[in-house]
Structure formats: structure tokens, C-alpha cells
Amino acid sequence: MDILIFLYQSIIWFLAGLLTGLTSFGGNLFAIPLLGLVIPMQDAILQGCLCGTMMILALSTLYHRWALWGEIVCLGLASVPGVLLGVAFLQHAGPRLLMLAAGGSLVLFLLWQYISGRLHVAEEPISRWWSLPLGFASGIMMGAVGMGGPPFVLYAYLRHWSKESTIGGGSLTAIITMLAVLPAQWEAGLYTAPVLKAAIVGAVFSVCGILASLPLVHRINAQLFRRLLLIMIGVSALILLARGLFA
């Protein structure tokens, strides 16, 4: 059974890296709910934080030249107090509450994807001061359930960032956030030897997935992969909410 779980986790992280390389988002949104089906949700979230850090490091090396540093720093610093609240939640919440929180986060992300596709962006971008509340919200979500992307995506969308700036900015903002998340989780005593071993393997496979995406990114319809990813996220959200409600 341990070998089967090892293979399952390795495949999930490889696909998470592949999807991240092809679509620029969604690695943890894809991986964490699926991992939570076979391992404790807290362990899945912690793996997501560690493996997600490796994926964003890989992406940031490819897209850092388009980064808008002033806003990235504001977003990252604003996320730090949110991280502390999120980690406290992760430390003290039970499995049922973690599943509900993770499922709810996915639902909010899917709603945002649905609404953003039907709204016209205002001609004038929102003020950069919105980086403070949205960065704070991203920190809470990253610290609590390992999925802090949706508030940042909302900010980048309403600020009229380009695709390259969004990918690079998201990666670099997440790096700043993880500089607070990982030490806070370590200080809280959340990292065990099995979690660290699984995360090392997952990080290797996720980076392999990103590298595997490089020759495919211009040959495969990325929009199709986005749709498939959203379908998988929707199914994962339903499973997590059902498990949380009926646990």
C-alpha cells in the first residue's frame, strides 16, 4: 500500500508540474485535493506548500524579467500577517474543518473564474493599494490551505497585468509569502519526517513536470488543459465538501 501511495503521489505531482508549465496556474489547486483523498489533509497541504515553492521557483526563473517589483513587494509584505493567521488555523483545525476550508477555497476560485470570464474589466485599473487587502487574503489562504493564488489572480486581473507579468509576479509574490509560511509552519511543529520525505519526492516530480511541459507548451492547446483542470478542481471541491460535511 505504501508503494501504491508513493506512485500515486508521484504521478499527481508530475501532472501538477506539467499543468503549471502549460497553463501557468493551478498546481496546488490540482494536487492538494487529490492527495487529500489518500493522506491526511494537513499533510497534503504541507506537501503543497513545499512542492509549490519548488514550482514557483522554477517559474520565476523563466518570467522574472516581466515582474512589477513595487507591487510584488507590497503584495508579499501584506501577505505576512495573513500567513500567521492561516498557519494558526492549519495547526488547530481538525480534518473535517480543513476539508471544508480547502473545498470552499476551490469553490471561490471556480466562482471567480466563472465571473471573470463574463465581466468587462474597467478601463482604469484599480488602485495599487488593493495589494494590501488582497495580499493579506492570499496569505491567509496560503497559510491555511496551501492555495493562495485566487486573491492574487484577482488583483493582477483588475490591475490589467499582462500574462507574463501575472505569471512572473505571481511566482515572485508567492516566494515572498513562502518565506513567511514555511518558517511559521516549521515553528508550529507541523513538519514531520514522513511529510518532508514525501515533499522531496513530490518536488522532484513537479519540477520534472514543468520541464516536460517546455517542448509541449507551443504544441498543445493550453485552453483545453485549463478547462480540464477546472473540471478536475470542481470534482475535487465536491469530494472535499462532501467528505467534510459527512465526516
Protein backbone atom coordinates (compact mmCIF):
# COMPACT_ATOMS: atom_id res chain seq x y z
CA MET A 1 0.00 0.00 0.00
CA ASP A 2 2.88 2.38 0.76
CA ILE A 3 4.27 1.77 -2.72
CA LEU A 4 0.87 2.49 -4.29
CA ILE A 5 0.56 5.74 -2.33
CA PHE A 6 4.12 6.68 -3.34
CA LEU A 7 3.31 6.09 -7.02
CA TYR A 8 0.02 7.95 -6.72
CA GLN A 9 1.66 10.99 -5.12
CA SER A 10 4.50 10.99 -7.65
CA ILE A 11 2.06 10.95 -10.58
CA ILE A 12 -0.06 13.70 -9.02
CA TRP A 13 2.94 15.99 -8.54
CA PHE A 14 4.27 15.31 -12.03
CA LEU A 15 0.87 16.22 -13.51
CA ALA A 16 0.69 19.28 -11.24
CA GLY A 17 4.04 20.47 -12.59
CA LEU A 18 3.01 19.68 -16.17
CA LEU A 19 -0.24 21.60 -15.82
CA THR A 20 1.52 24.51 -14.16
CA GLY A 21 4.00 24.69 -17.01
CA LEU A 22 1.27 24.51 -19.65
CA THR A 23 -1.35 26.76 -18.09
CA SER A 24 0.70 28.95 -15.67
CA PHE A 25 -1.51 28.23 -12.66
CA GLY A 26 -3.26 25.55 -10.65
CA GLY A 27 -0.55 23.15 -9.47
CA ASN A 28 -1.62 23.13 -5.82
CA LEU A 29 -5.29 23.54 -6.70
CA PHE A 30 -4.95 20.32 -8.67
CA ALA A 31 -2.69 18.35 -6.34
CA ILE A 32 -3.78 19.10 -2.77
CA PRO A 33 -7.41 17.89 -3.05
CA LEU A 34 -6.35 14.70 -4.83
CA LEU A 35 -3.64 14.00 -2.26
CA GLY A 36 -6.20 14.57 0.48
CA LEU A 37 -8.07 11.51 -0.76
CA VAL A 38 -5.29 9.15 0.35
CA ILE A 39 -3.37 11.00 3.08
CA PRO A 40 -4.42 13.35 5.91
CA MET A 41 -5.47 16.75 4.57
CA GLN A 42 -2.97 18.57 6.79
CA ASP A 43 -0.14 16.51 5.29
CA ALA A 44 -1.44 17.23 1.78
CA ILE A 45 -1.45 20.97 2.49
CA LEU A 46 2.08 20.86 3.90
CA GLN A 47 3.31 18.93 0.87
CA GLY A 48 1.62 21.53 -1.31
CA CYS A 49 3.48 24.35 0.41
CA LEU A 50 6.86 22.67 -0.08
CA CYS A 51 6.33 21.36 -3.61
CA GLY A 52 4.55 24.55 -4.63
CA THR A 53 7.62 26.51 -3.55
CA MET A 54 9.77 24.49 -5.94
CA MET A 55 7.32 25.07 -8.79
CA ILE A 56 7.17 28.83 -8.25
CA LEU A 57 10.98 28.99 -8.09
CA ALA A 58 11.12 27.28 -11.48
CA LEU A 59 8.51 29.63 -12.97
CA SER A 60 10.10 32.74 -11.51
CA THR A 61 13.38 31.99 -13.27
CA LEU A 62 11.53 31.94 -16.58
CA TYR A 63 9.34 35.04 -16.12
CA HIS A 64 11.14 37.34 -13.65
CA ARG A 65 12.01 39.88 -16.35
CA TRP A 66 8.32 40.92 -16.60
CA ALA A 67 7.88 41.39 -12.85
CA LEU A 68 6.41 44.62 -11.49
CA TRP A 69 8.59 44.73 -8.39
CA GLY A 70 6.96 47.58 -6.49
CA GLU A 71 3.55 45.92 -6.45
CA ILE A 72 5.02 42.47 -5.86
CA VAL A 73 6.75 43.68 -2.69
CA CYS A 74 3.52 45.25 -1.43
CA LEU A 75 1.56 42.06 -2.10
CA GLY A 76 4.20 39.89 -0.47
CA LEU A 77 4.60 42.01 2.66
CA ALA A 78 0.83 42.32 3.06
CA SER A 79 0.57 38.53 2.97
CA VAL A 80 2.83 38.01 6.00
CA PRO A 81 0.29 38.82 8.79
CA GLY A 82 -2.28 36.78 6.90
CA VAL A 83 0.14 33.85 6.84
CA LEU A 84 0.35 33.87 10.63
CA LEU A 85 -3.44 33.64 10.93
CA GLY A 86 -3.59 30.92 8.29
CA VAL A 87 -0.92 28.77 9.91
CA ALA A 88 -2.68 29.06 13.27
CA PHE A 89 -5.82 27.77 11.58
CA LEU A 90 -3.91 24.89 9.97
CA GLN A 91 -2.33 23.98 13.30
CA HIS A 92 -5.55 23.85 15.32
CA ALA A 93 -8.28 22.93 12.83
CA GLY A 94 -9.41 19.32 12.66
CA PRO A 95 -9.51 17.21 9.47
CA ARG A 96 -13.18 18.00 8.85
CA LEU A 97 -12.69 21.76 9.03
CA LEU A 98 -9.58 21.57 6.84
CA MET A 99 -11.50 19.65 4.17
CA LEU A 100 -14.34 22.18 4.27
CA ALA A 101 -11.89 25.09 4.10
CA ALA A 102 -9.99 23.56 1.18
CA GLY A 103 -13.22 22.74 -0.65
CA GLY A 104 -14.58 26.23 -0.01
CA SER A 105 -11.38 27.78 -1.36
CA LEU A 106 -11.75 25.79 -4.57
CA VAL A 107 -15.38 26.86 -4.93
CA LEU A 108 -14.39 30.52 -4.52
CA PHE A 109 -11.71 30.06 -7.18
CA LEU A 110 -14.17 28.48 -9.61
CA LEU A 111 -16.68 31.24 -9.00
CA TRP A 112 -14.01 33.80 -9.73
CA GLN A 113 -13.11 32.01 -12.96
CA TYR A 114 -16.77 31.99 -13.99
CA ILE A 115 -17.42 35.63 -13.11
CA SER A 116 -14.18 36.98 -14.57
CA GLY A 117 -15.00 35.40 -17.91
CA ARG A 118 -18.26 37.36 -18.08
CA LEU A 119 -17.20 40.74 -16.75
CA HIS A 120 -15.64 43.57 -18.66
CA VAL A 121 -12.59 44.94 -16.92
CA ALA A 122 -12.88 48.63 -16.13
CA GLU A 123 -10.92 50.88 -18.45
CA GLU A 124 -8.98 52.22 -15.47
CA PRO A 125 -7.10 49.68 -13.34
CA ILE A 126 -7.81 49.56 -9.64
CA SER A 127 -5.51 51.35 -7.22
CA ARG A 128 -2.32 49.55 -6.25
CA TRP A 129 -3.43 49.97 -2.62
CA TRP A 130 -5.70 47.00 -3.23
CA SER A 131 -2.49 44.98 -2.94
CA LEU A 132 -2.79 45.28 0.83
CA PRO A 133 -6.18 43.58 1.48
CA LEU A 134 -5.78 41.10 -1.38
CA GLY A 135 -2.21 40.26 -0.36
CA PHE A 136 -3.46 39.73 3.21
CA ALA A 137 -6.22 37.40 1.96
CA SER A 138 -3.71 35.48 -0.15
CA GLY A 139 -1.50 34.99 2.92
CA ILE A 140 -4.39 33.59 4.95
CA MET A 141 -5.32 31.11 2.22
CA MET A 142 -1.72 30.03 1.64
CA GLY A 143 -1.01 29.51 5.32
CA ALA A 144 -4.29 27.71 5.99
CA VAL A 145 -4.88 25.51 2.94
CA GLY A 146 -1.80 25.96 0.73
CA MET A 147 -3.77 27.68 -2.05
CA GLY A 148 -3.16 31.42 -2.02
CA GLY A 149 -3.43 32.13 -5.74
CA PRO A 150 -7.04 33.32 -6.23
CA PRO A 151 -6.71 36.73 -4.46
CA PHE A 152 -3.51 37.44 -6.38
CA VAL A 153 -5.10 36.46 -9.71
CA LEU A 154 -7.96 38.85 -8.91
CA TYR A 155 -5.51 41.67 -8.22
CA ALA A 156 -3.49 41.06 -11.39
CA TYR A 157 -6.67 40.90 -13.48
CA LEU A 158 -8.08 44.15 -12.13
CA ARG A 159 -4.68 45.85 -12.46
CA HIS A 160 -4.56 44.90 -16.17
CA TRP A 161 -1.31 42.96 -15.83
CA SER A 162 -0.07 41.09 -18.91
CA LYS A 163 0.06 37.30 -18.91
CA GLU A 164 3.85 37.36 -18.48
CA SER A 165 3.64 39.87 -15.62
CA THR A 166 0.94 37.78 -13.96
CA ILE A 167 2.98 34.57 -14.14
CA GLY A 168 6.22 36.21 -13.03
CA GLY A 169 4.53 38.41 -10.44
CA GLY A 170 2.54 35.52 -9.03
CA SER A 171 5.64 33.37 -8.68
CA LEU A 172 7.73 36.09 -7.03
CA THR A 173 4.90 37.17 -4.72
CA ALA A 174 4.44 33.55 -3.69
CA ILE A 175 8.17 33.29 -2.93
CA ILE A 176 7.90 36.23 -0.53
CA THR A 177 4.82 34.65 1.03
CA MET A 178 6.53 31.28 1.42
CA LEU A 179 9.44 32.94 3.24
CA ALA A 180 6.85 33.55 5.97
CA VAL A 181 4.78 30.37 5.53
CA LEU A 182 7.50 27.74 5.76
CA PRO A 183 9.24 29.07 8.92
CA ALA A 184 5.85 29.60 10.62
CA GLN A 185 4.77 26.04 9.82
CA TRP A 186 8.15 24.71 10.96
CA GLU A 187 7.98 26.67 14.21
CA ALA A 188 4.49 25.28 14.80
CA GLY A 189 5.95 21.77 14.63
CA LEU A 190 3.85 20.74 11.62
CA TYR A 191 6.64 19.18 9.55
CA THR A 192 7.28 15.53 10.31
CA ALA A 193 9.86 13.24 8.73
CA PRO A 194 7.29 11.46 6.50
CA VAL A 195 5.94 14.81 5.25
CA LEU A 196 9.44 16.06 4.42
CA LYS A 197 10.40 12.83 2.62
CA ALA A 198 7.19 12.85 0.58
CA ALA A 199 7.66 16.55 -0.23
CA ILE A 200 11.21 15.98 -1.51
CA VAL A 201 9.97 13.30 -3.90
CA GLY A 202 6.99 15.45 -4.88
CA ALA A 203 9.22 18.45 -5.55
CA VAL A 204 11.42 16.41 -7.88
CA PHE A 205 8.45 15.11 -9.86
CA SER A 206 6.75 18.53 -10.01
CA VAL A 207 9.89 20.15 -11.44
CA CYS A 208 10.16 17.26 -13.91
CA GLY A 209 6.59 18.03 -14.93
CA ILE A 210 7.44 21.68 -15.56
CA LEU A 211 10.48 20.68 -17.64
CA ALA A 212 8.34 18.19 -19.59
CA SER A 213 5.90 21.00 -20.41
CA LEU A 214 8.53 23.15 -22.14
CA PRO A 215 8.57 21.31 -25.52
CA LEU A 216 4.78 20.86 -25.36
CA VAL A 217 3.67 24.36 -24.44
CA HIS A 218 3.55 25.56 -28.06
CA ARG A 219 2.10 22.33 -29.44
CA ILE A 220 -0.81 21.63 -27.10
CA ASN A 221 -3.90 23.75 -26.74
CA ALA A 222 -3.36 25.27 -23.30
CA GLN A 223 -7.00 26.41 -23.19
CA LEU A 224 -8.11 22.78 -23.34
CA PHE A 225 -5.85 21.96 -20.40
CA ARG A 226 -7.27 24.90 -18.46
CA ARG A 227 -10.78 23.55 -18.99
CA LEU A 228 -9.76 20.06 -17.94
CA LEU A 229 -8.04 21.49 -14.88
CA LEU A 230 -11.15 23.46 -13.91
CA ILE A 231 -13.27 20.32 -14.27
CA MET A 232 -10.87 18.41 -12.03
CA ILE A 233 -10.89 21.24 -9.49
CA GLY A 234 -14.68 21.21 -9.49
CA VAL A 235 -14.80 17.47 -8.87
CA SER A 236 -12.20 17.80 -6.13
CA ALA A 237 -14.20 20.59 -4.48
CA LEU A 238 -17.33 18.44 -4.42
CA ILE A 239 -15.42 15.50 -2.94
CA LEU A 240 -13.78 17.62 -0.25
CA LEU A 241 -17.03 19.33 0.74
CA ALA A 242 -18.86 16.00 0.83
CA ARG A 243 -16.15 14.40 2.98
CA GLY A 244 -16.10 17.42 5.27
CA LEU A 245 -19.87 17.54 5.68
CA PHE A 246 -20.35 13.83 6.25
CA ALA A 247 -17.13 13.08 8.17
